[in-house]
N, C-alpha and C. Protein backbone atom coordinates (compact mmCIF):
# COMPACT_ATOMS: atom_id res chain seq x y z
N UNK A 1 21.76 -30.45 10.27
CA UNK A 1 21.97 -29.93 8.92
C UNK A 1 21.40 -30.94 7.92
N UNK A 2 20.68 -30.46 6.95
CA UNK A 2 20.06 -31.28 5.91
C UNK A 2 21.12 -31.83 4.96
N UNK A 3 20.99 -33.09 4.56
CA UNK A 3 21.88 -33.68 3.56
C UNK A 3 21.06 -34.24 2.42
N UNK A 4 21.68 -34.34 1.22
CA UNK A 4 20.93 -34.82 0.06
C UNK A 4 21.69 -35.86 -0.76
N UNK A 5 22.71 -36.45 -0.19
CA UNK A 5 23.42 -37.49 -0.94
C UNK A 5 24.77 -37.82 -0.37
N UNK A 6 25.55 -38.49 -1.22
CA UNK A 6 26.92 -38.83 -0.85
C UNK A 6 27.85 -38.34 -1.96
N UNK A 7 29.13 -38.36 -1.67
CA UNK A 7 30.13 -37.96 -2.65
C UNK A 7 31.37 -38.80 -2.49
N UNK A 8 32.21 -38.77 -3.51
CA UNK A 8 33.51 -39.41 -3.44
C UNK A 8 34.56 -38.33 -3.59
N UNK A 9 35.50 -38.32 -2.66
CA UNK A 9 36.64 -37.42 -2.77
C UNK A 9 37.83 -38.26 -3.23
N UNK A 10 38.54 -37.76 -4.21
CA UNK A 10 39.74 -38.42 -4.70
C UNK A 10 40.93 -37.59 -4.23
N UNK A 11 41.62 -38.10 -3.18
CA UNK A 11 42.77 -37.38 -2.65
C UNK A 11 43.97 -37.56 -3.56
N UNK A 12 44.55 -36.44 -3.94
CA UNK A 12 45.72 -36.44 -4.83
C UNK A 12 46.96 -36.84 -4.02
N UNK A 13 47.72 -37.77 -4.56
CA UNK A 13 48.93 -38.24 -3.88
C UNK A 13 50.04 -38.42 -4.91
N UNK A 14 51.23 -37.97 -4.57
CA UNK A 14 52.40 -38.17 -5.43
C UNK A 14 53.26 -39.25 -4.79
N UNK A 15 53.49 -40.32 -5.53
CA UNK A 15 54.27 -41.44 -5.01
C UNK A 15 55.76 -41.09 -4.97
N UNK A 16 56.54 -41.98 -4.38
CA UNK A 16 58.00 -41.80 -4.33
C UNK A 16 58.59 -41.74 -5.73
N UNK A 17 57.93 -42.39 -6.70
CA UNK A 17 58.38 -42.38 -8.10
C UNK A 17 57.87 -41.17 -8.87
N UNK A 18 57.28 -40.20 -8.15
CA UNK A 18 56.74 -38.96 -8.75
C UNK A 18 55.50 -39.19 -9.61
N UNK A 19 54.83 -40.32 -9.42
CA UNK A 19 53.59 -40.60 -10.12
C UNK A 19 52.43 -40.01 -9.32
N UNK A 20 51.53 -39.31 -9.99
CA UNK A 20 50.36 -38.74 -9.33
C UNK A 20 49.21 -39.74 -9.44
N UNK A 21 48.62 -40.07 -8.30
CA UNK A 21 47.45 -40.93 -8.27
C UNK A 21 46.38 -40.25 -7.41
N UNK A 22 45.15 -40.65 -7.62
CA UNK A 22 44.03 -40.14 -6.84
C UNK A 22 43.38 -41.31 -6.12
N UNK A 23 43.27 -41.22 -4.79
CA UNK A 23 42.75 -42.31 -3.98
C UNK A 23 41.34 -41.94 -3.51
N UNK A 24 40.32 -42.77 -3.84
CA UNK A 24 38.93 -42.41 -3.52
C UNK A 24 38.53 -42.73 -2.08
N UNK A 25 37.61 -41.92 -1.57
CA UNK A 25 36.99 -42.16 -0.27
C UNK A 25 35.56 -41.65 -0.34
N UNK A 26 34.61 -42.48 0.06
CA UNK A 26 33.20 -42.10 0.05
C UNK A 26 32.84 -41.36 1.33
N UNK A 27 32.09 -40.27 1.18
CA UNK A 27 31.55 -39.53 2.32
C UNK A 27 30.03 -39.61 2.19
N UNK A 28 29.40 -40.25 3.15
CA UNK A 28 27.98 -40.59 3.03
C UNK A 28 27.01 -39.43 3.09
N UNK A 29 27.11 -38.58 4.07
CA UNK A 29 26.09 -37.56 4.31
C UNK A 29 26.61 -36.17 3.99
N UNK A 30 26.26 -35.68 2.81
CA UNK A 30 26.69 -34.34 2.40
C UNK A 30 25.50 -33.59 1.84
N UNK A 31 25.62 -32.26 1.83
CA UNK A 31 24.67 -31.44 1.08
C UNK A 31 25.41 -30.93 -0.13
N UNK A 32 25.02 -31.41 -1.31
CA UNK A 32 25.68 -31.11 -2.59
C UNK A 32 24.86 -30.06 -3.31
N UNK A 33 25.46 -28.91 -3.58
CA UNK A 33 24.77 -27.80 -4.23
C UNK A 33 25.60 -27.35 -5.43
N UNK A 34 25.23 -27.81 -6.62
CA UNK A 34 26.00 -27.47 -7.82
C UNK A 34 25.24 -26.49 -8.69
N UNK A 35 26.00 -25.75 -9.48
CA UNK A 35 25.38 -24.81 -10.42
C UNK A 35 26.10 -24.91 -11.75
N UNK A 36 25.33 -24.76 -12.80
CA UNK A 36 25.89 -24.80 -14.15
C UNK A 36 25.86 -23.40 -14.71
N UNK A 37 26.95 -23.00 -15.32
CA UNK A 37 27.03 -21.66 -15.89
C UNK A 37 27.89 -21.68 -17.13
N UNK A 38 27.60 -20.77 -18.03
CA UNK A 38 28.41 -20.61 -19.24
C UNK A 38 28.88 -19.17 -19.26
N UNK A 39 30.19 -19.00 -19.36
CA UNK A 39 30.75 -17.65 -19.41
C UNK A 39 30.52 -17.05 -20.80
N UNK A 40 30.82 -15.75 -20.93
CA UNK A 40 30.62 -15.06 -22.21
C UNK A 40 31.38 -15.71 -23.36
N UNK A 41 32.53 -16.29 -23.06
CA UNK A 41 33.32 -16.94 -24.12
C UNK A 41 32.88 -18.39 -24.37
N UNK A 42 31.73 -18.75 -23.81
CA UNK A 42 31.10 -20.08 -23.96
C UNK A 42 31.85 -21.21 -23.27
N UNK A 43 32.81 -20.89 -22.40
CA UNK A 43 33.46 -21.91 -21.59
C UNK A 43 32.51 -22.31 -20.46
N UNK A 44 32.54 -23.56 -20.09
CA UNK A 44 31.76 -24.03 -18.95
C UNK A 44 32.34 -23.41 -17.69
N UNK A 45 31.50 -23.00 -16.82
CA UNK A 45 31.94 -22.38 -15.57
C UNK A 45 31.14 -22.98 -14.41
N UNK A 46 31.03 -24.32 -14.41
CA UNK A 46 30.27 -25.01 -13.38
C UNK A 46 30.99 -24.91 -12.04
N UNK A 47 30.21 -24.95 -10.98
CA UNK A 47 30.77 -24.82 -9.64
C UNK A 47 29.94 -25.65 -8.68
N UNK A 48 30.55 -26.07 -7.58
CA UNK A 48 29.84 -26.83 -6.56
C UNK A 48 30.26 -26.33 -5.18
N UNK A 49 29.30 -26.34 -4.26
CA UNK A 49 29.58 -26.13 -2.85
C UNK A 49 29.03 -27.35 -2.13
N UNK A 50 29.87 -27.98 -1.32
CA UNK A 50 29.47 -29.18 -0.59
C UNK A 50 29.66 -28.93 0.90
N UNK A 51 28.62 -29.25 1.65
CA UNK A 51 28.68 -29.14 3.10
C UNK A 51 28.76 -30.56 3.67
N UNK A 52 29.75 -30.79 4.52
CA UNK A 52 29.95 -32.10 5.14
C UNK A 52 29.74 -31.93 6.64
N UNK A 53 28.55 -32.26 7.16
CA UNK A 53 28.29 -32.06 8.59
C UNK A 53 29.06 -33.06 9.45
N UNK A 54 29.70 -32.53 10.48
CA UNK A 54 30.46 -33.40 11.40
C UNK A 54 29.54 -34.40 12.07
N UNK A 55 28.37 -33.93 12.52
CA UNK A 55 27.45 -34.74 13.31
C UNK A 55 26.94 -35.98 12.55
N UNK A 56 26.81 -35.88 11.23
CA UNK A 56 26.23 -36.97 10.45
C UNK A 56 27.26 -37.87 9.79
N UNK A 57 28.55 -37.62 10.05
CA UNK A 57 29.61 -38.41 9.44
C UNK A 57 30.60 -38.89 10.49
N UNK A 58 31.09 -40.10 10.30
CA UNK A 58 32.14 -40.63 11.16
C UNK A 58 33.46 -40.06 10.64
N UNK A 59 34.03 -39.15 11.37
CA UNK A 59 35.27 -38.49 10.94
C UNK A 59 36.51 -39.14 11.56
N UNK A 60 36.37 -40.36 12.08
CA UNK A 60 37.52 -41.02 12.71
C UNK A 60 38.63 -41.33 11.71
N UNK A 61 38.30 -41.42 10.43
CA UNK A 61 39.32 -41.70 9.42
C UNK A 61 39.73 -40.44 8.65
N UNK A 62 39.29 -39.27 9.13
CA UNK A 62 39.72 -37.99 8.55
C UNK A 62 41.06 -37.62 9.19
N UNK A 63 41.95 -37.07 8.38
CA UNK A 63 43.26 -36.65 8.87
C UNK A 63 43.59 -35.29 8.28
N UNK A 64 44.37 -34.51 8.97
CA UNK A 64 44.70 -33.17 8.47
C UNK A 64 45.49 -33.26 7.17
N UNK A 65 45.35 -32.28 6.30
CA UNK A 65 46.06 -32.31 5.01
C UNK A 65 47.57 -32.47 5.15
N UNK A 66 48.17 -31.83 6.15
CA UNK A 66 49.63 -31.91 6.28
C UNK A 66 50.12 -33.31 6.67
N UNK A 67 49.26 -34.11 7.30
CA UNK A 67 49.64 -35.46 7.71
C UNK A 67 49.22 -36.54 6.72
N UNK A 68 48.45 -36.19 5.70
CA UNK A 68 47.85 -37.19 4.81
C UNK A 68 48.87 -38.05 4.08
N UNK A 69 49.86 -37.46 3.45
CA UNK A 69 50.79 -38.22 2.62
C UNK A 69 51.59 -39.26 3.39
N UNK A 70 51.67 -39.11 4.70
CA UNK A 70 52.41 -40.08 5.51
C UNK A 70 51.53 -41.23 5.98
N UNK A 71 50.22 -41.09 5.92
CA UNK A 71 49.29 -42.10 6.46
C UNK A 71 48.68 -42.98 5.38
N UNK A 72 48.09 -42.37 4.39
CA UNK A 72 47.49 -42.99 3.20
C UNK A 72 46.50 -44.13 3.40
N UNK A 73 46.79 -45.12 4.19
CA UNK A 73 45.91 -46.29 4.25
C UNK A 73 44.61 -45.98 4.99
N UNK A 74 43.55 -46.08 4.29
CA UNK A 74 42.18 -45.95 4.79
C UNK A 74 41.88 -44.63 5.50
N UNK A 75 42.61 -43.59 5.20
CA UNK A 75 42.29 -42.27 5.72
C UNK A 75 42.01 -41.33 4.56
N UNK A 76 41.42 -40.19 4.87
CA UNK A 76 41.13 -39.20 3.84
C UNK A 76 41.32 -37.82 4.40
N UNK A 77 41.39 -36.85 3.52
CA UNK A 77 41.52 -35.46 3.90
C UNK A 77 40.82 -34.61 2.85
N UNK A 78 40.85 -33.30 3.02
CA UNK A 78 40.31 -32.38 2.01
C UNK A 78 41.35 -31.30 1.81
N UNK A 79 41.78 -31.12 0.56
CA UNK A 79 42.74 -30.05 0.27
C UNK A 79 42.62 -29.62 -1.17
N UNK A 80 43.18 -28.45 -1.45
CA UNK A 80 43.14 -27.94 -2.81
C UNK A 80 43.76 -28.94 -3.77
N UNK A 81 43.14 -29.08 -4.93
CA UNK A 81 43.65 -30.00 -5.95
C UNK A 81 43.03 -31.38 -5.91
N UNK A 82 42.35 -31.73 -4.80
CA UNK A 82 41.63 -32.99 -4.74
C UNK A 82 40.43 -32.92 -5.67
N UNK A 83 39.92 -34.07 -6.07
CA UNK A 83 38.76 -34.13 -6.96
C UNK A 83 37.55 -34.60 -6.18
N UNK A 84 36.37 -34.05 -6.50
CA UNK A 84 35.14 -34.51 -5.88
C UNK A 84 34.11 -34.80 -6.96
N UNK A 85 33.33 -35.86 -6.71
CA UNK A 85 32.29 -36.30 -7.63
C UNK A 85 31.08 -36.70 -6.81
N UNK A 86 29.90 -36.31 -7.26
CA UNK A 86 28.68 -36.69 -6.57
C UNK A 86 28.45 -38.19 -6.76
N UNK A 87 28.13 -38.89 -5.67
CA UNK A 87 27.87 -40.32 -5.72
C UNK A 87 29.03 -41.15 -5.21
N UNK A 88 28.85 -42.45 -5.23
CA UNK A 88 29.84 -43.39 -4.73
C UNK A 88 30.65 -43.97 -5.88
N UNK A 89 31.92 -43.61 -5.97
CA UNK A 89 32.82 -44.16 -7.00
C UNK A 89 33.99 -44.90 -6.37
N UNK A 90 33.78 -45.45 -5.18
CA UNK A 90 34.87 -46.16 -4.52
C UNK A 90 35.17 -47.50 -5.19
N UNK A 91 34.39 -47.88 -6.18
CA UNK A 91 34.71 -49.09 -6.95
C UNK A 91 36.01 -48.89 -7.71
N UNK A 92 36.38 -47.64 -7.96
CA UNK A 92 37.68 -47.34 -8.55
C UNK A 92 38.69 -47.29 -7.41
N UNK A 93 39.61 -48.24 -7.35
CA UNK A 93 40.54 -48.30 -6.22
C UNK A 93 41.50 -47.13 -6.20
N UNK A 94 41.94 -46.70 -7.36
CA UNK A 94 42.74 -45.49 -7.49
C UNK A 94 42.68 -45.07 -8.95
N UNK A 95 42.95 -43.81 -9.18
CA UNK A 95 42.89 -43.24 -10.52
C UNK A 95 44.28 -42.71 -10.85
N UNK A 96 44.79 -43.11 -12.01
CA UNK A 96 46.14 -42.70 -12.40
C UNK A 96 46.14 -41.55 -13.39
N UNK A 97 45.05 -41.40 -14.14
CA UNK A 97 44.93 -40.28 -15.07
C UNK A 97 43.52 -39.73 -14.98
N UNK A 98 43.38 -38.46 -15.24
CA UNK A 98 42.06 -37.84 -15.18
C UNK A 98 41.14 -38.36 -16.28
N UNK A 99 41.71 -38.96 -17.32
CA UNK A 99 40.90 -39.54 -18.39
C UNK A 99 40.01 -40.66 -17.87
N UNK A 100 40.44 -41.31 -16.78
CA UNK A 100 39.64 -42.38 -16.19
C UNK A 100 38.33 -41.85 -15.61
N UNK A 101 38.24 -40.55 -15.38
CA UNK A 101 37.03 -39.95 -14.80
C UNK A 101 36.25 -39.13 -15.82
N UNK A 102 36.57 -39.28 -17.10
CA UNK A 102 35.96 -38.45 -18.15
C UNK A 102 34.45 -38.62 -18.25
N UNK A 103 33.92 -39.75 -17.79
CA UNK A 103 32.47 -39.99 -17.88
C UNK A 103 31.69 -39.41 -16.70
N UNK A 104 32.38 -38.73 -15.78
CA UNK A 104 31.74 -38.20 -14.58
C UNK A 104 31.92 -36.69 -14.50
N UNK A 105 30.97 -36.02 -13.87
CA UNK A 105 31.11 -34.58 -13.64
C UNK A 105 32.04 -34.40 -12.45
N UNK A 106 33.25 -34.01 -12.73
CA UNK A 106 34.32 -33.92 -11.75
C UNK A 106 34.62 -32.46 -11.42
N UNK A 107 34.80 -32.18 -10.15
CA UNK A 107 35.15 -30.84 -9.69
C UNK A 107 36.49 -30.91 -8.96
N UNK A 108 37.30 -29.87 -9.14
CA UNK A 108 38.57 -29.76 -8.43
C UNK A 108 38.39 -28.81 -7.25
N UNK A 109 38.77 -29.27 -6.07
CA UNK A 109 38.62 -28.48 -4.86
C UNK A 109 39.55 -27.27 -4.92
N UNK A 110 38.97 -26.09 -4.66
CA UNK A 110 39.79 -24.88 -4.61
C UNK A 110 39.64 -24.13 -3.29
N UNK A 111 38.70 -24.53 -2.44
CA UNK A 111 38.51 -23.85 -1.16
C UNK A 111 37.95 -24.82 -0.14
N UNK A 112 38.50 -24.79 1.07
CA UNK A 112 38.02 -25.61 2.18
C UNK A 112 37.92 -24.74 3.41
N UNK A 113 36.76 -24.72 4.03
CA UNK A 113 36.57 -23.99 5.29
C UNK A 113 36.10 -24.98 6.34
N UNK A 114 36.73 -24.95 7.50
CA UNK A 114 36.30 -25.76 8.63
C UNK A 114 35.46 -24.88 9.53
N UNK A 115 34.20 -25.21 9.64
CA UNK A 115 33.26 -24.45 10.46
C UNK A 115 32.99 -25.25 11.73
N UNK A 116 33.92 -25.15 12.71
CA UNK A 116 33.84 -25.98 13.92
C UNK A 116 33.40 -25.18 15.15
N UNK A 117 32.55 -24.20 14.94
CA UNK A 117 32.03 -23.40 16.04
C UNK A 117 30.52 -23.54 16.10
N UNK A 118 29.91 -23.03 17.15
CA UNK A 118 28.46 -23.13 17.30
C UNK A 118 28.04 -24.50 17.80
N UNK A 119 26.77 -24.77 17.69
CA UNK A 119 26.24 -26.05 18.17
C UNK A 119 26.75 -27.21 17.32
N UNK A 120 26.79 -28.39 17.91
CA UNK A 120 27.32 -29.57 17.22
C UNK A 120 26.60 -29.87 15.92
N UNK A 121 25.31 -29.61 15.87
CA UNK A 121 24.56 -29.93 14.65
C UNK A 121 24.79 -28.93 13.52
N UNK A 122 25.56 -27.88 13.77
CA UNK A 122 25.88 -26.91 12.73
C UNK A 122 27.34 -26.97 12.28
N UNK A 123 28.19 -27.73 12.95
CA UNK A 123 29.61 -27.82 12.59
C UNK A 123 29.79 -28.64 11.32
N UNK A 124 30.66 -28.14 10.42
CA UNK A 124 30.79 -28.80 9.13
C UNK A 124 32.04 -28.33 8.39
N UNK A 125 32.38 -29.06 7.32
CA UNK A 125 33.34 -28.60 6.33
C UNK A 125 32.54 -27.98 5.20
N UNK A 126 33.03 -26.87 4.66
CA UNK A 126 32.45 -26.26 3.47
C UNK A 126 33.50 -26.36 2.38
N UNK A 127 33.18 -27.09 1.33
CA UNK A 127 34.14 -27.37 0.27
C UNK A 127 33.61 -26.78 -1.03
N UNK A 128 34.48 -26.03 -1.75
CA UNK A 128 34.09 -25.46 -3.03
C UNK A 128 34.95 -26.06 -4.13
N UNK A 129 34.31 -26.33 -5.26
CA UNK A 129 35.03 -26.89 -6.39
C UNK A 129 34.57 -26.30 -7.71
N UNK A 130 35.46 -26.34 -8.68
CA UNK A 130 35.17 -25.89 -10.05
C UNK A 130 35.53 -27.00 -11.00
């Protein structure tokens, strides 16, 4: 599967004190396909579809969404409400407010499909964000 860059996923986590933080993780080999659109009411309606091929990424630190909040250290997952940004933003150790990401084109994940059938070179995650 063809790739054209990297991305950073910010996994949403709620601490024991009920504070929401976003923890970044870089994913090196992705196919990032974004589109810009303006709805009739002139609201931005940008969207992205990202393909993360299993074969081109080390998924040893990937964990299922239901197990993520218990592991946290150096693992990542993909689930609704997480944030994705094209490029490497792991220099931000964690994000406490979305205002910290105001200078970046940020998408919120709303759909995740695991495509783990067929040949190994075609297996991937398909992630959609708005």
